Every structure is written in structure tokens, then in C-alpha cells.
Protein backbone atom coordinates (compact mmCIF):
# COMPACT_ATOMS: atom_id res chain seq x y z
CA MET A 1 -56.07 33.93 36.28
CA GLY A 2 -53.02 35.49 34.92
CA VAL A 3 -49.68 36.88 37.23
CA ILE A 4 -48.94 40.22 36.81
CA LEU A 5 -45.55 41.22 36.12
CA GLU A 6 -44.89 45.17 36.27
CA LYS A 7 -43.56 47.15 32.58
CA CYS A 8 -42.22 43.40 31.57
CA PHE A 9 -43.10 43.74 27.59
CA CYS A 10 -42.79 40.38 26.47
CA LYS A 11 -45.53 38.07 24.07
CA THR A 12 -47.90 36.46 26.09
CA GLY A 13 -48.92 39.60 27.57
CA SER A 14 -50.91 42.54 26.81
CA LYS A 15 -49.52 45.05 24.29
CA GLY A 16 -49.11 49.17 25.56
CA LYS A 17 -50.38 48.40 28.26
CA ASP A 18 -47.98 49.15 31.47
CA LYS A 19 -49.00 45.94 32.91
CA ASP A 20 -47.95 42.15 31.52
CA TYR A 21 -49.48 38.96 32.38
CA ILE A 22 -48.90 35.17 31.86
CA THR A 23 -51.70 32.72 32.32
CA ARG A 24 -51.66 29.84 33.42
CA GLU A 25 -52.59 27.74 30.88
CA GLY A 26 -48.99 30.09 29.75
CA VAL A 27 -47.11 27.76 32.71
CA PHE A 28 -48.73 24.86 31.38
CA ARG A 29 -46.87 24.66 28.12
CA TYR A 30 -43.61 25.75 29.35
CA MET A 31 -43.68 22.94 31.19
CA TRP A 32 -45.25 20.23 29.08
CA MET A 33 -44.73 21.59 25.54
CA ASN A 34 -41.12 23.61 26.43
CA THR A 35 -42.83 26.80 25.40
CA GLU A 36 -41.01 30.00 25.67
CA LEU A 37 -41.27 32.09 28.59
CA SER A 38 -39.20 35.20 28.79
CA ASP A 39 -36.65 35.26 31.25
CA ASN A 40 -38.56 38.03 33.59
CA HIS A 41 -41.67 35.22 34.00
CA LYS A 42 -39.67 32.69 34.87
CA GLU A 43 -37.82 34.70 37.52
CA TYR A 44 -41.12 35.51 38.65
CA ILE A 45 -42.56 32.06 38.53
CA TYR A 46 -40.16 30.17 40.19
CA GLU A 47 -39.33 33.05 43.06
CA LYS A 48 -43.18 33.67 44.08
CA TYR A 49 -44.21 29.79 43.72
CA PRO A 50 -41.51 28.16 43.99
CA ASN A 51 -43.01 24.84 43.63
CA ILE A 52 -43.17 24.74 40.13
CA TRP A 53 -39.55 24.39 39.62
CA GLU A 54 -39.76 21.15 41.56
CA LEU A 55 -42.39 20.20 39.54
CA GLN A 56 -40.83 21.40 36.15
CA CYS A 57 -37.09 19.54 37.05
CA CYS A 58 -39.37 16.04 38.50
CA ILE A 59 -41.67 16.28 34.59
CA ARG A 60 -37.49 16.73 32.85
CA GLU A 61 -36.87 13.85 34.84
CA PHE A 62 -39.13 11.35 33.71
CA ARG A 63 -39.03 12.76 30.12
CA ASN A 64 -35.64 11.72 30.02
CA ILE A 65 -35.55 8.49 31.63
CA PHE A 66 -39.11 7.48 29.09
CA LYS A 67 -37.06 8.96 26.79
CA ASN A 68 -33.66 6.68 27.73
CA HIS A 69 -35.07 3.70 28.76
CA ASN A 70 -33.73 4.42 32.03
CA VAL A 71 -34.43 1.19 33.62
CA PRO A 72 -32.69 1.55 36.91
CA MET A 73 -33.50 5.27 37.09
CA LEU A 74 -37.44 4.94 37.07
CA TYR A 75 -36.69 2.92 39.78
CA LEU A 76 -34.45 5.91 41.42
CA PHE A 77 -37.20 8.31 40.44
CA VAL A 78 -39.65 6.32 42.18
CA GLU A 79 -37.72 6.00 45.19
CA LYS A 80 -37.43 9.98 45.76
CA TYR A 81 -40.31 11.57 44.62
CA SER A 82 -42.21 8.65 47.29
CA LYS A 83 -40.44 10.61 50.06
CA ASN A 84 -41.63 14.30 48.09
CA LEU A 85 -43.29 16.86 50.15
CA LEU A 86 -45.12 17.30 47.51
CA LYS A 87 -48.01 15.65 47.86
CA PRO A 88 -49.41 15.21 44.32
CA LEU A 89 -45.68 14.20 42.84
CA ARG A 90 -45.92 11.57 46.20
CA SER A 91 -48.87 10.35 44.33
CA PHE A 92 -47.12 10.13 41.07
CA ALA A 93 -44.15 7.67 42.04
CA GLU A 94 -46.66 5.72 44.13
CA GLY A 95 -48.77 5.07 41.26
CA LEU A 96 -45.51 4.44 38.91
CA LYS A 97 -44.59 1.97 41.94
CA ARG A 98 -48.01 0.20 41.94
CA ASP A 99 -47.81 -0.40 38.30
CA ILE A 100 -44.21 -0.84 37.95
CA ASP A 101 -45.14 -4.18 35.59
CA ALA A 102 -47.09 -1.93 33.55
CA VAL A 103 -44.63 0.64 33.00
CA LEU A 104 -41.89 -1.29 32.42
CA TYR A 105 -44.21 -3.62 29.76
CA ASN A 106 -44.86 -0.38 27.85
CA ARG A 107 -43.89 -1.08 24.55
CA GLN A 108 -42.86 2.68 24.37
CA PHE A 109 -40.74 2.02 27.12
CA LEU A 110 -39.31 -0.91 26.45
């Protein structure tokens, strides 16, 4: 199922039609693989689904912490998202908290 945008002709949409769409896969690729989305797609998605913005922020924060091997920021991340209203983000943070030793001693993190 895709998100329909009126009269927006972008690479991810159908050509020569009055409507354009982005698939769920397109949104996931944007968040996980940093593929590009048109400004119209981003604006529509963030306005219609505000939780997507929060999820995107969480992903970026965690990637930055992991990339920079920043242990103090990892603890702050866990604390912050353990209190999050979105259950999947809260569960992710709680899982990190439970397995913090394994996360810290992961060769990629150190």
C-alpha cells in the first residue's frame, strides 16, 4: 500500500499520471538506507504520520552513537527512549538496557 500525493511527479511515482505514490518500502529505504525522497514526499509523510519523524530521529541518534562509539550518549539514549510514548521505541531501549553489557562489549561498538 502506498501514500498518494496529488500532482507530484517524482522518481518514486508513476509517470504520466495525475497522482504519485511512495510505497512503504520507499519510506523504509529512506529511514534505514538514507535513500532520497522528494521534499513533497517527506513533507506529506511527516505531516500525516508524525511518528515517522520520531522514529527517524531515533534511528539517526542510535547510528551516530554507534558510529562514534559514544558510551555516555548510549546511556542517555536508553534513558530517553525508555520513557518514550511509542511502544516499539520504548521496547528497543528496554532491550538495550537489559543487554547493555553485550552491546558495550560488541567489537563493533568498542
